[in-house]
Amino acid sequence: MYKVLITICIFSIVTISQYKNVAECSDNHVPSEHTDSADELMGEVPQEEKSELALMMQDIDESYKIVEEMSGYYQYKKKQWKQILEAGENIAKVTKKVRIKYAKPDDFKYEDQMKLMQVEAKKMAEIAKNNDADGALEEQQWQVRRLRQTCAICHKHLDIHIYPNLYKEKKHSG
């Protein structure tokens, strides 16, 4: 009788330890040689094009951040208006390239948002050209909001959550 109980105890201990090892190993991700993304499996966008698209979007983001940083100012200097003009022209130019090269004709919302971003960036540049007009400052600040809204709608539509990575946390000394 004791032999049977000892055998059952040993068998239970061995089984439990094996189960524990399997459970611990299941948390570890084994890297594969190549992981196909959904786009690659669908044959839509090769990896090198994604990196080119990412660089283009980074260029847009850098121009956007320049104008966003100034959007709270109550007055712009000539140098700042020039930066706004260049940023608006750059966003419009790069957006046009993205729209042509990475068009998604079957995705109407994406196409509309990209078109709207190009239009809003052109408006921003036009406001900067005519910065001596009444209300130019307010119009410029409005255009920054329009760009932010356009980007947010498109990112939400595409299920892209990049904003936490765009704004690196600044360390405060104190």
N, C-alpha and C. Protein backbone atom coordinates (compact mmCIF):
# COMPACT_ATOMS: atom_id res chain seq x y z
N MET A 1 0.81 -1.19 0.00
CA MET A 1 0.00 0.00 0.00
C MET A 1 0.86 1.26 0.00
N TYR A 2 1.91 1.24 0.84
CA TYR A 2 2.80 2.41 0.89
C TYR A 2 3.50 2.63 -0.44
N LYS A 3 3.84 1.53 -1.08
CA LYS A 3 4.52 1.63 -2.37
C LYS A 3 3.62 2.34 -3.40
N VAL A 4 2.33 2.05 -3.37
CA VAL A 4 1.38 2.67 -4.30
C VAL A 4 1.26 4.16 -4.01
N LEU A 5 1.15 4.53 -2.72
CA LEU A 5 1.05 5.94 -2.34
C LEU A 5 2.32 6.71 -2.71
N ILE A 6 3.46 6.13 -2.50
CA ILE A 6 4.73 6.78 -2.84
C ILE A 6 4.83 6.95 -4.35
N THR A 7 4.42 5.94 -5.09
CA THR A 7 4.44 6.02 -6.55
C THR A 7 3.51 7.12 -7.05
N ILE A 8 2.33 7.22 -6.47
CA ILE A 8 1.37 8.27 -6.86
C ILE A 8 1.93 9.65 -6.52
N CYS A 9 2.54 9.79 -5.36
CA CYS A 9 3.14 11.08 -4.96
C CYS A 9 4.26 11.48 -5.92
N ILE A 10 5.14 10.55 -6.24
CA ILE A 10 6.24 10.84 -7.16
C ILE A 10 5.69 11.20 -8.54
N PHE A 11 4.72 10.45 -9.01
CA PHE A 11 4.11 10.72 -10.30
C PHE A 11 3.47 12.10 -10.30
N SER A 12 2.79 12.47 -9.23
CA SER A 12 2.15 13.78 -9.12
C SER A 12 3.19 14.90 -9.13
N ILE A 13 4.26 14.73 -8.40
CA ILE A 13 5.32 15.74 -8.35
C ILE A 13 5.94 15.93 -9.72
N VAL A 14 6.24 14.84 -10.41
CA VAL A 14 6.84 14.91 -11.74
C VAL A 14 5.87 15.60 -12.71
N THR A 15 4.60 15.25 -12.67
CA THR A 15 3.60 15.84 -13.56
C THR A 15 3.45 17.33 -13.30
N ILE A 16 3.39 17.71 -12.03
CA ILE A 16 3.25 19.12 -11.67
C ILE A 16 4.47 19.92 -12.12
N SER A 17 5.66 19.39 -11.93
CA SER A 17 6.87 20.11 -12.33
C SER A 17 6.95 20.25 -13.86
N GLN A 18 6.51 19.21 -14.59
CA GLN A 18 6.49 19.31 -16.04
C GLN A 18 5.48 20.36 -16.49
N TYR A 19 4.32 20.38 -15.87
CA TYR A 19 3.29 21.36 -16.20
C TYR A 19 3.80 22.77 -15.92
N LYS A 20 4.52 22.93 -14.80
CA LYS A 20 5.07 24.24 -14.44
C LYS A 20 6.09 24.69 -15.48
N ASN A 21 6.96 23.80 -15.94
CA ASN A 21 7.95 24.14 -16.97
C ASN A 21 7.29 24.53 -18.28
N VAL A 22 6.24 23.83 -18.67
CA VAL A 22 5.52 24.14 -19.90
C VAL A 22 4.88 25.52 -19.78
N ALA A 23 4.28 25.80 -18.64
CA ALA A 23 3.63 27.09 -18.43
C ALA A 23 4.65 28.22 -18.45
N GLU A 24 5.81 28.03 -17.83
CA GLU A 24 6.84 29.07 -17.83
C GLU A 24 7.39 29.30 -19.22
N CYS A 25 7.60 28.27 -19.98
CA CYS A 25 8.16 28.39 -21.32
C CYS A 25 7.18 29.01 -22.29
N SER A 26 5.88 28.89 -22.05
CA SER A 26 4.90 29.45 -22.97
C SER A 26 4.93 30.97 -22.95
N ASP A 27 5.43 31.59 -21.88
CA ASP A 27 5.54 33.04 -21.81
C ASP A 27 6.69 33.58 -22.64
N ASN A 28 7.67 32.75 -22.92
CA ASN A 28 8.83 33.19 -23.69
C ASN A 28 8.50 33.14 -25.16
N HIS A 29 8.79 34.24 -25.85
CA HIS A 29 8.56 34.29 -27.29
C HIS A 29 9.82 33.82 -28.00
N VAL A 30 9.65 32.83 -28.82
CA VAL A 30 10.78 32.33 -29.58
C VAL A 30 10.84 33.10 -30.88
N PRO A 31 11.90 33.87 -31.10
CA PRO A 31 11.96 34.67 -32.32
C PRO A 31 12.08 33.76 -33.54
N SER A 32 11.35 34.11 -34.56
CA SER A 32 11.44 33.35 -35.79
C SER A 32 12.38 34.08 -36.74
N GLU A 33 12.77 33.39 -37.79
CA GLU A 33 13.69 33.99 -38.75
C GLU A 33 13.04 35.18 -39.43
N HIS A 34 11.76 35.07 -39.76
CA HIS A 34 11.04 36.15 -40.43
C HIS A 34 9.58 36.05 -40.06
N THR A 35 9.01 37.16 -39.63
CA THR A 35 7.60 37.19 -39.31
C THR A 35 6.89 37.99 -40.38
N ASP A 36 5.97 37.36 -41.06
CA ASP A 36 5.21 38.06 -42.10
C ASP A 36 4.14 38.91 -41.44
N SER A 37 4.06 40.16 -41.86
CA SER A 37 3.00 41.02 -41.37
C SER A 37 1.76 40.77 -42.22
N ALA A 38 0.65 41.31 -41.79
CA ALA A 38 -0.59 41.14 -42.53
C ALA A 38 -0.46 41.76 -43.93
N ASP A 39 0.21 42.91 -44.00
CA ASP A 39 0.40 43.56 -45.31
C ASP A 39 1.23 42.70 -46.24
N GLU A 40 2.30 42.10 -45.70
CA GLU A 40 3.15 41.27 -46.54
C GLU A 40 2.40 40.03 -47.00
N LEU A 41 1.58 39.45 -46.10
CA LEU A 41 0.81 38.28 -46.48
C LEU A 41 -0.22 38.62 -47.55
N MET A 42 -0.74 39.82 -47.49
CA MET A 42 -1.71 40.26 -48.49
C MET A 42 -1.03 40.74 -49.76
N GLY A 43 0.29 40.92 -49.69
CA GLY A 43 1.02 41.38 -50.86
C GLY A 43 0.85 42.87 -51.12
N GLU A 44 0.56 43.65 -50.06
CA GLU A 44 0.25 45.06 -50.26
C GLU A 44 1.47 45.97 -50.24
N VAL A 45 2.22 45.98 -49.14
CA VAL A 45 3.31 46.94 -49.01
C VAL A 45 4.58 46.21 -48.56
N PRO A 46 5.60 46.13 -49.41
CA PRO A 46 6.85 45.50 -49.01
C PRO A 46 7.52 46.26 -47.88
N GLN A 47 8.39 45.59 -47.13
CA GLN A 47 9.02 46.18 -45.95
C GLN A 47 9.82 47.44 -46.28
N GLU A 48 10.58 47.45 -47.39
CA GLU A 48 11.39 48.63 -47.70
C GLU A 48 10.50 49.84 -48.01
N GLU A 49 9.32 49.61 -48.56
CA GLU A 49 8.40 50.71 -48.80
C GLU A 49 7.83 51.23 -47.49
N LYS A 50 7.60 50.32 -46.54
CA LYS A 50 7.10 50.76 -45.24
C LYS A 50 8.10 51.70 -44.58
N SER A 51 9.36 51.36 -44.69
CA SER A 51 10.34 52.23 -44.06
C SER A 51 10.39 53.58 -44.78
N GLU A 52 10.21 53.57 -46.09
CA GLU A 52 10.17 54.83 -46.83
C GLU A 52 8.94 55.64 -46.43
N LEU A 53 7.81 54.97 -46.30
CA LEU A 53 6.60 55.65 -45.85
C LEU A 53 6.78 56.19 -44.44
N ALA A 54 7.41 55.42 -43.58
CA ALA A 54 7.64 55.88 -42.20
C ALA A 54 8.52 57.13 -42.20
N LEU A 55 9.53 57.17 -43.06
CA LEU A 55 10.39 58.35 -43.15
C LEU A 55 9.62 59.56 -43.66
N MET A 56 8.75 59.34 -44.62
CA MET A 56 7.94 60.44 -45.14
C MET A 56 6.99 60.97 -44.07
N MET A 57 6.39 60.07 -43.31
CA MET A 57 5.49 60.50 -42.25
C MET A 57 6.25 61.19 -41.13
N GLN A 58 7.48 60.76 -40.89
CA GLN A 58 8.32 61.43 -39.89
C GLN A 58 8.63 62.85 -40.34
N ASP A 59 8.86 63.04 -41.62
CA ASP A 59 9.12 64.37 -42.17
C ASP A 59 7.90 65.27 -41.96
N ILE A 60 6.71 64.73 -42.20
CA ILE A 60 5.47 65.48 -41.96
C ILE A 60 5.37 65.82 -40.48
N ASP A 61 5.65 64.85 -39.63
CA ASP A 61 5.53 65.06 -38.19
C ASP A 61 6.49 66.13 -37.69
N GLU A 62 7.71 66.14 -38.21
CA GLU A 62 8.68 67.16 -37.78
C GLU A 62 8.20 68.56 -38.15
N SER A 63 7.65 68.71 -39.35
CA SER A 63 7.11 70.01 -39.75
C SER A 63 5.91 70.38 -38.89
N TYR A 64 5.08 69.41 -38.61
CA TYR A 64 3.91 69.67 -37.77
C TYR A 64 4.32 70.11 -36.38
N LYS A 65 5.31 69.46 -35.80
CA LYS A 65 5.74 69.81 -34.44
C LYS A 65 6.26 71.24 -34.37
N ILE A 66 6.89 71.71 -35.43
CA ILE A 66 7.37 73.09 -35.45
C ILE A 66 6.21 74.05 -35.29
N VAL A 67 5.14 73.85 -36.06
CA VAL A 67 4.00 74.77 -35.97
C VAL A 67 3.18 74.54 -34.71
N GLU A 68 3.13 73.32 -34.26
CA GLU A 68 2.38 73.04 -33.03
C GLU A 68 3.02 73.73 -31.83
N GLU A 69 4.34 73.71 -31.80
CA GLU A 69 5.06 74.35 -30.69
C GLU A 69 4.75 75.84 -30.61
N MET A 70 4.55 76.45 -31.76
CA MET A 70 4.28 77.89 -31.79
C MET A 70 2.79 78.22 -31.71
N SER A 71 1.92 77.23 -31.72
CA SER A 71 0.49 77.50 -31.84
C SER A 71 -0.10 78.26 -30.66
N GLY A 72 0.56 78.28 -29.55
CA GLY A 72 0.06 79.01 -28.39
C GLY A 72 0.58 80.44 -28.28
N TYR A 73 1.45 80.84 -29.19
CA TYR A 73 2.01 82.19 -29.12
C TYR A 73 0.93 83.23 -29.43
N TYR A 74 1.04 84.38 -28.82
CA TYR A 74 0.07 85.44 -29.09
C TYR A 74 0.56 86.40 -30.17
N GLN A 75 1.78 86.17 -30.65
CA GLN A 75 2.32 86.99 -31.74
C GLN A 75 3.47 86.21 -32.39
N TYR A 76 3.58 86.33 -33.71
CA TYR A 76 4.68 85.68 -34.43
C TYR A 76 5.62 86.71 -34.99
N LYS A 77 6.90 86.37 -34.98
CA LYS A 77 7.92 87.20 -35.62
C LYS A 77 8.04 86.75 -37.07
N LYS A 78 8.75 87.52 -37.87
CA LYS A 78 8.92 87.17 -39.29
C LYS A 78 9.56 85.79 -39.46
N LYS A 79 10.55 85.51 -38.63
CA LYS A 79 11.23 84.21 -38.69
C LYS A 79 10.24 83.07 -38.44
N GLN A 80 9.33 83.26 -37.50
CA GLN A 80 8.36 82.23 -37.18
C GLN A 80 7.34 82.06 -38.31
N TRP A 81 6.92 83.15 -38.93
CA TRP A 81 6.03 83.05 -40.08
C TRP A 81 6.70 82.30 -41.22
N LYS A 82 8.00 82.53 -41.37
CA LYS A 82 8.75 81.82 -42.42
C LYS A 82 8.78 80.33 -42.11
N GLN A 83 8.99 79.97 -40.85
CA GLN A 83 8.99 78.56 -40.45
C GLN A 83 7.62 77.93 -40.71
N ILE A 84 6.57 78.66 -40.43
CA ILE A 84 5.21 78.17 -40.66
C ILE A 84 4.97 77.96 -42.15
N LEU A 85 5.41 78.92 -42.95
CA LEU A 85 5.27 78.82 -44.41
C LEU A 85 6.00 77.57 -44.92
N GLU A 86 7.25 77.40 -44.50
CA GLU A 86 8.04 76.24 -44.95
C GLU A 86 7.43 74.93 -44.46
N ALA A 87 6.95 74.92 -43.23
CA ALA A 87 6.34 73.70 -42.69
C ALA A 87 5.07 73.35 -43.47
N GLY A 88 4.23 74.34 -43.73
CA GLY A 88 2.99 74.10 -44.49
C GLY A 88 3.28 73.59 -45.89
N GLU A 89 4.25 74.23 -46.55
CA GLU A 89 4.61 73.79 -47.91
C GLU A 89 5.18 72.37 -47.88
N ASN A 90 6.02 72.07 -46.88
CA ASN A 90 6.61 70.74 -46.78
C ASN A 90 5.55 69.68 -46.51
N ILE A 91 4.64 69.96 -45.59
CA ILE A 91 3.58 68.98 -45.29
C ILE A 91 2.74 68.72 -46.53
N ALA A 92 2.38 69.77 -47.25
CA ALA A 92 1.58 69.61 -48.46
C ALA A 92 2.33 68.80 -49.52
N LYS A 93 3.63 69.10 -49.69
CA LYS A 93 4.44 68.42 -50.70
C LYS A 93 4.60 66.93 -50.36
N VAL A 94 4.95 66.64 -49.13
CA VAL A 94 5.17 65.25 -48.74
C VAL A 94 3.85 64.48 -48.74
N THR A 95 2.77 65.12 -48.30
CA THR A 95 1.47 64.46 -48.31
C THR A 95 1.06 64.11 -49.73
N LYS A 96 1.34 64.98 -50.67
CA LYS A 96 1.03 64.70 -52.07
C LYS A 96 1.80 63.46 -52.55
N LYS A 97 3.07 63.36 -52.17
CA LYS A 97 3.87 62.18 -52.54
C LYS A 97 3.28 60.92 -51.92
N VAL A 98 2.89 61.01 -50.65
CA VAL A 98 2.31 59.85 -49.96
C VAL A 98 1.00 59.45 -50.65
N ARG A 99 0.19 60.44 -50.99
CA ARG A 99 -1.09 60.14 -51.65
C ARG A 99 -0.90 59.44 -52.98
N ILE A 100 0.15 59.83 -53.71
CA ILE A 100 0.40 59.22 -55.02
C ILE A 100 1.02 57.84 -54.87
N LYS A 101 2.07 57.76 -54.07
CA LYS A 101 2.83 56.52 -53.98
C LYS A 101 2.15 55.44 -53.13
N TYR A 102 1.42 55.85 -52.10
CA TYR A 102 0.80 54.89 -51.18
C TYR A 102 -0.72 55.04 -51.17
N ALA A 103 -1.29 55.24 -52.34
CA ALA A 103 -2.74 55.39 -52.45
C ALA A 103 -3.44 54.10 -52.03
N LYS A 104 -4.61 54.27 -51.45
CA LYS A 104 -5.47 53.14 -51.08
C LYS A 104 -6.85 53.43 -51.66
N PRO A 105 -7.02 53.22 -52.96
CA PRO A 105 -8.28 53.59 -53.61
C PRO A 105 -9.51 52.92 -53.01
N ASP A 106 -9.34 51.77 -52.39
CA ASP A 106 -10.47 51.07 -51.79
C ASP A 106 -10.80 51.56 -50.38
N ASP A 107 -9.97 52.45 -49.83
CA ASP A 107 -10.17 52.97 -48.48
C ASP A 107 -10.52 54.46 -48.60
N PHE A 108 -11.80 54.76 -48.72
CA PHE A 108 -12.25 56.13 -48.95
C PHE A 108 -11.91 57.07 -47.81
N LYS A 109 -12.02 56.61 -46.59
CA LYS A 109 -11.74 57.47 -45.43
C LYS A 109 -10.27 57.87 -45.41
N TYR A 110 -9.38 56.92 -45.66
CA TYR A 110 -7.94 57.22 -45.72
C TYR A 110 -7.66 58.23 -46.83
N GLU A 111 -8.21 58.00 -47.99
CA GLU A 111 -7.99 58.91 -49.13
C GLU A 111 -8.52 60.31 -48.81
N ASP A 112 -9.70 60.39 -48.21
CA ASP A 112 -10.27 61.70 -47.86
C ASP A 112 -9.41 62.43 -46.83
N GLN A 113 -8.93 61.71 -45.82
CA GLN A 113 -8.12 62.34 -44.78
C GLN A 113 -6.77 62.82 -45.33
N MET A 114 -6.17 62.03 -46.21
CA MET A 114 -4.89 62.44 -46.81
C MET A 114 -5.09 63.67 -47.69
N LYS A 115 -6.18 63.70 -48.42
CA LYS A 115 -6.49 64.86 -49.27
C LYS A 115 -6.73 66.09 -48.40
N LEU A 116 -7.48 65.90 -47.32
CA LEU A 116 -7.76 66.99 -46.39
C LEU A 116 -6.48 67.51 -45.74
N MET A 117 -5.57 66.61 -45.39
CA MET A 117 -4.31 67.05 -44.80
C MET A 117 -3.53 67.92 -45.78
N GLN A 118 -3.52 67.53 -47.04
CA GLN A 118 -2.82 68.32 -48.05
C GLN A 118 -3.48 69.70 -48.20
N VAL A 119 -4.80 69.73 -48.20
CA VAL A 119 -5.53 71.00 -48.33
C VAL A 119 -5.26 71.90 -47.13
N GLU A 120 -5.31 71.34 -45.93
CA GLU A 120 -5.09 72.13 -44.72
C GLU A 120 -3.66 72.66 -44.65
N ALA A 121 -2.70 71.88 -45.10
CA ALA A 121 -1.31 72.33 -45.11
C ALA A 121 -1.12 73.46 -46.12
N LYS A 122 -1.79 73.37 -47.27
CA LYS A 122 -1.72 74.46 -48.26
C LYS A 122 -2.33 75.74 -47.70
N LYS A 123 -3.45 75.59 -46.97
CA LYS A 123 -4.08 76.76 -46.33
C LYS A 123 -3.11 77.38 -45.33
N MET A 124 -2.41 76.54 -44.58
CA MET A 124 -1.44 77.03 -43.60
C MET A 124 -0.37 77.86 -44.28
N ALA A 125 0.15 77.36 -45.38
CA ALA A 125 1.19 78.08 -46.13
C ALA A 125 0.63 79.40 -46.67
N GLU A 126 -0.61 79.36 -47.15
CA GLU A 126 -1.22 80.57 -47.70
C GLU A 126 -1.42 81.63 -46.61
N ILE A 127 -1.83 81.21 -45.44
CA ILE A 127 -1.99 82.15 -44.31
C ILE A 127 -0.64 82.75 -43.95
N ALA A 128 0.41 81.94 -43.94
CA ALA A 128 1.75 82.44 -43.61
C ALA A 128 2.23 83.44 -44.67
N LYS A 129 1.88 83.22 -45.93
CA LYS A 129 2.25 84.17 -46.99
C LYS A 129 1.58 85.52 -46.77
N ASN A 130 0.35 85.49 -46.30
CA ASN A 130 -0.43 86.72 -46.07
C ASN A 130 -0.53 87.01 -44.58
N ASN A 131 0.61 86.94 -43.89
CA ASN A 131 0.58 87.05 -42.43
C ASN A 131 0.23 88.43 -41.91
N ASP A 132 0.21 89.42 -42.78
CA ASP A 132 -0.14 90.77 -42.33
C ASP A 132 -1.65 91.02 -42.38
N ALA A 133 -2.41 90.06 -42.85
CA ALA A 133 -3.86 90.20 -42.91
C ALA A 133 -4.46 90.11 -41.51
N ASP A 134 -5.62 90.76 -41.35
CA ASP A 134 -6.32 90.71 -40.06
C ASP A 134 -6.69 89.27 -39.72
N GLY A 135 -6.41 88.87 -38.51
CA GLY A 135 -6.78 87.54 -38.03
C GLY A 135 -5.86 86.42 -38.49
N ALA A 136 -4.72 86.75 -39.08
CA ALA A 136 -3.81 85.71 -39.59
C ALA A 136 -3.32 84.80 -38.46
N LEU A 137 -3.01 85.38 -37.32
CA LEU A 137 -2.53 84.59 -36.19
C LEU A 137 -3.57 83.55 -35.76
N GLU A 138 -4.82 83.99 -35.62
CA GLU A 138 -5.89 83.08 -35.21
C GLU A 138 -6.14 82.01 -36.27
N GLU A 139 -6.10 82.43 -37.54
CA GLU A 139 -6.28 81.47 -38.63
C GLU A 139 -5.18 80.41 -38.61
N GLN A 140 -3.96 80.86 -38.35
CA GLN A 140 -2.83 79.93 -38.29
C GLN A 140 -3.02 78.93 -37.15
N GLN A 141 -3.42 79.42 -36.01
CA GLN A 141 -3.64 78.54 -34.87
C GLN A 141 -4.77 77.54 -35.16
N TRP A 142 -5.77 78.00 -35.88
CA TRP A 142 -6.87 77.12 -36.28
C TRP A 142 -6.36 76.02 -37.22
N GLN A 143 -5.46 76.37 -38.14
CA GLN A 143 -4.93 75.39 -39.09
C GLN A 143 -4.13 74.29 -38.38
N VAL A 144 -3.43 74.66 -37.32
CA VAL A 144 -2.69 73.64 -36.55
C VAL A 144 -3.68 72.65 -35.95
N ARG A 145 -4.78 73.17 -35.44
CA ARG A 145 -5.80 72.28 -34.88
C ARG A 145 -6.41 71.39 -35.96
N ARG A 146 -6.65 71.97 -37.13
CA ARG A 146 -7.22 71.19 -38.24
C ARG A 146 -6.26 70.06 -38.65
N LEU A 147 -4.97 70.36 -38.71
CA LEU A 147 -4.01 69.31 -39.04
C LEU A 147 -4.00 68.23 -37.96
N ARG A 148 -4.01 68.65 -36.71
CA ARG A 148 -4.01 67.68 -35.60
C ARG A 148 -5.23 66.78 -35.69
N GLN A 149 -6.38 67.38 -35.96
CA GLN A 149 -7.62 66.62 -36.06
C GLN A 149 -7.57 65.65 -37.24
N THR A 150 -7.07 66.11 -38.36
CA THR A 150 -6.98 65.26 -39.55
C THR A 150 -6.06 64.07 -39.29
N CYS A 151 -4.92 64.32 -38.70
CA CYS A 151 -3.98 63.24 -38.38
C CYS A 151 -4.62 62.24 -37.41
N ALA A 152 -5.27 62.76 -36.39
CA ALA A 152 -5.86 61.89 -35.37
C ALA A 152 -6.96 61.00 -35.96
N ILE A 153 -7.79 61.56 -36.82
CA ILE A 153 -8.87 60.78 -37.44
C ILE A 153 -8.29 59.68 -38.31
N CYS A 154 -7.28 60.01 -39.09
CA CYS A 154 -6.66 59.02 -39.98
C CYS A 154 -5.96 57.92 -39.16
N HIS A 155 -5.21 58.32 -38.14
CA HIS A 155 -4.52 57.34 -37.31
C HIS A 155 -5.52 56.41 -36.61
N LYS A 156 -6.61 56.98 -36.12
CA LYS A 156 -7.63 56.16 -35.47
C LYS A 156 -8.24 55.19 -36.49
N HIS A 157 -8.51 55.68 -37.68
CA HIS A 157 -9.08 54.84 -38.73
C HIS A 157 -8.15 53.68 -39.07
N LEU A 158 -6.85 53.96 -39.14
CA LEU A 158 -5.87 52.93 -39.48
C LEU A 158 -5.40 52.11 -38.28
N ASP A 159 -5.93 52.45 -37.10
CA ASP A 159 -5.56 51.79 -35.84
C ASP A 159 -4.06 51.92 -35.57
N ILE A 160 -3.57 53.14 -35.74
CA ILE A 160 -2.16 53.44 -35.49
C ILE A 160 -2.10 54.27 -34.21
N HIS A 161 -1.36 53.76 -33.24
CA HIS A 161 -1.24 54.46 -31.95
C HIS A 161 0.21 54.86 -31.75
N ILE A 162 0.59 55.98 -32.35
CA ILE A 162 1.99 56.39 -32.30
C ILE A 162 2.24 57.60 -31.41
N TYR A 163 1.19 58.25 -30.96
CA TYR A 163 1.40 59.50 -30.23
C TYR A 163 2.26 59.37 -28.99
N PRO A 164 2.15 58.31 -28.18
CA PRO A 164 3.04 58.22 -27.02
C PRO A 164 4.52 58.20 -27.42
N ASN A 165 4.83 57.69 -28.61
CA ASN A 165 6.22 57.63 -29.06
C ASN A 165 6.69 58.94 -29.68
N LEU A 166 5.76 59.77 -30.11
CA LEU A 166 6.14 61.02 -30.78
C LEU A 166 6.63 62.06 -29.79
N TYR A 167 6.08 62.06 -28.62
CA TYR A 167 6.43 63.08 -27.65
C TYR A 167 7.18 62.44 -26.50
N LYS A 168 8.48 62.49 -26.58
CA LYS A 168 9.33 61.90 -25.56
C LYS A 168 9.17 62.69 -24.27
N GLU A 169 9.10 61.96 -23.18
CA GLU A 169 8.94 62.60 -21.89
C GLU A 169 10.18 63.42 -21.55
N LYS A 170 9.94 64.67 -21.18
CA LYS A 170 11.06 65.54 -20.80
C LYS A 170 11.35 65.36 -19.32
N LYS A 171 12.62 65.28 -19.00
CA LYS A 171 13.02 65.15 -17.60
C LYS A 171 13.06 66.53 -16.96
N HIS A 172 12.39 66.64 -15.84
CA HIS A 172 12.36 67.91 -15.11
C HIS A 172 13.38 67.88 -14.00
N SER A 173 14.17 68.94 -13.91
CA SER A 173 15.14 69.01 -12.83
C SER A 173 14.51 69.76 -11.66
N GLY A 174 14.74 69.29 -10.49
CA GLY A 174 14.07 69.97 -9.39
C GLY A 174 14.49 69.55 -8.09
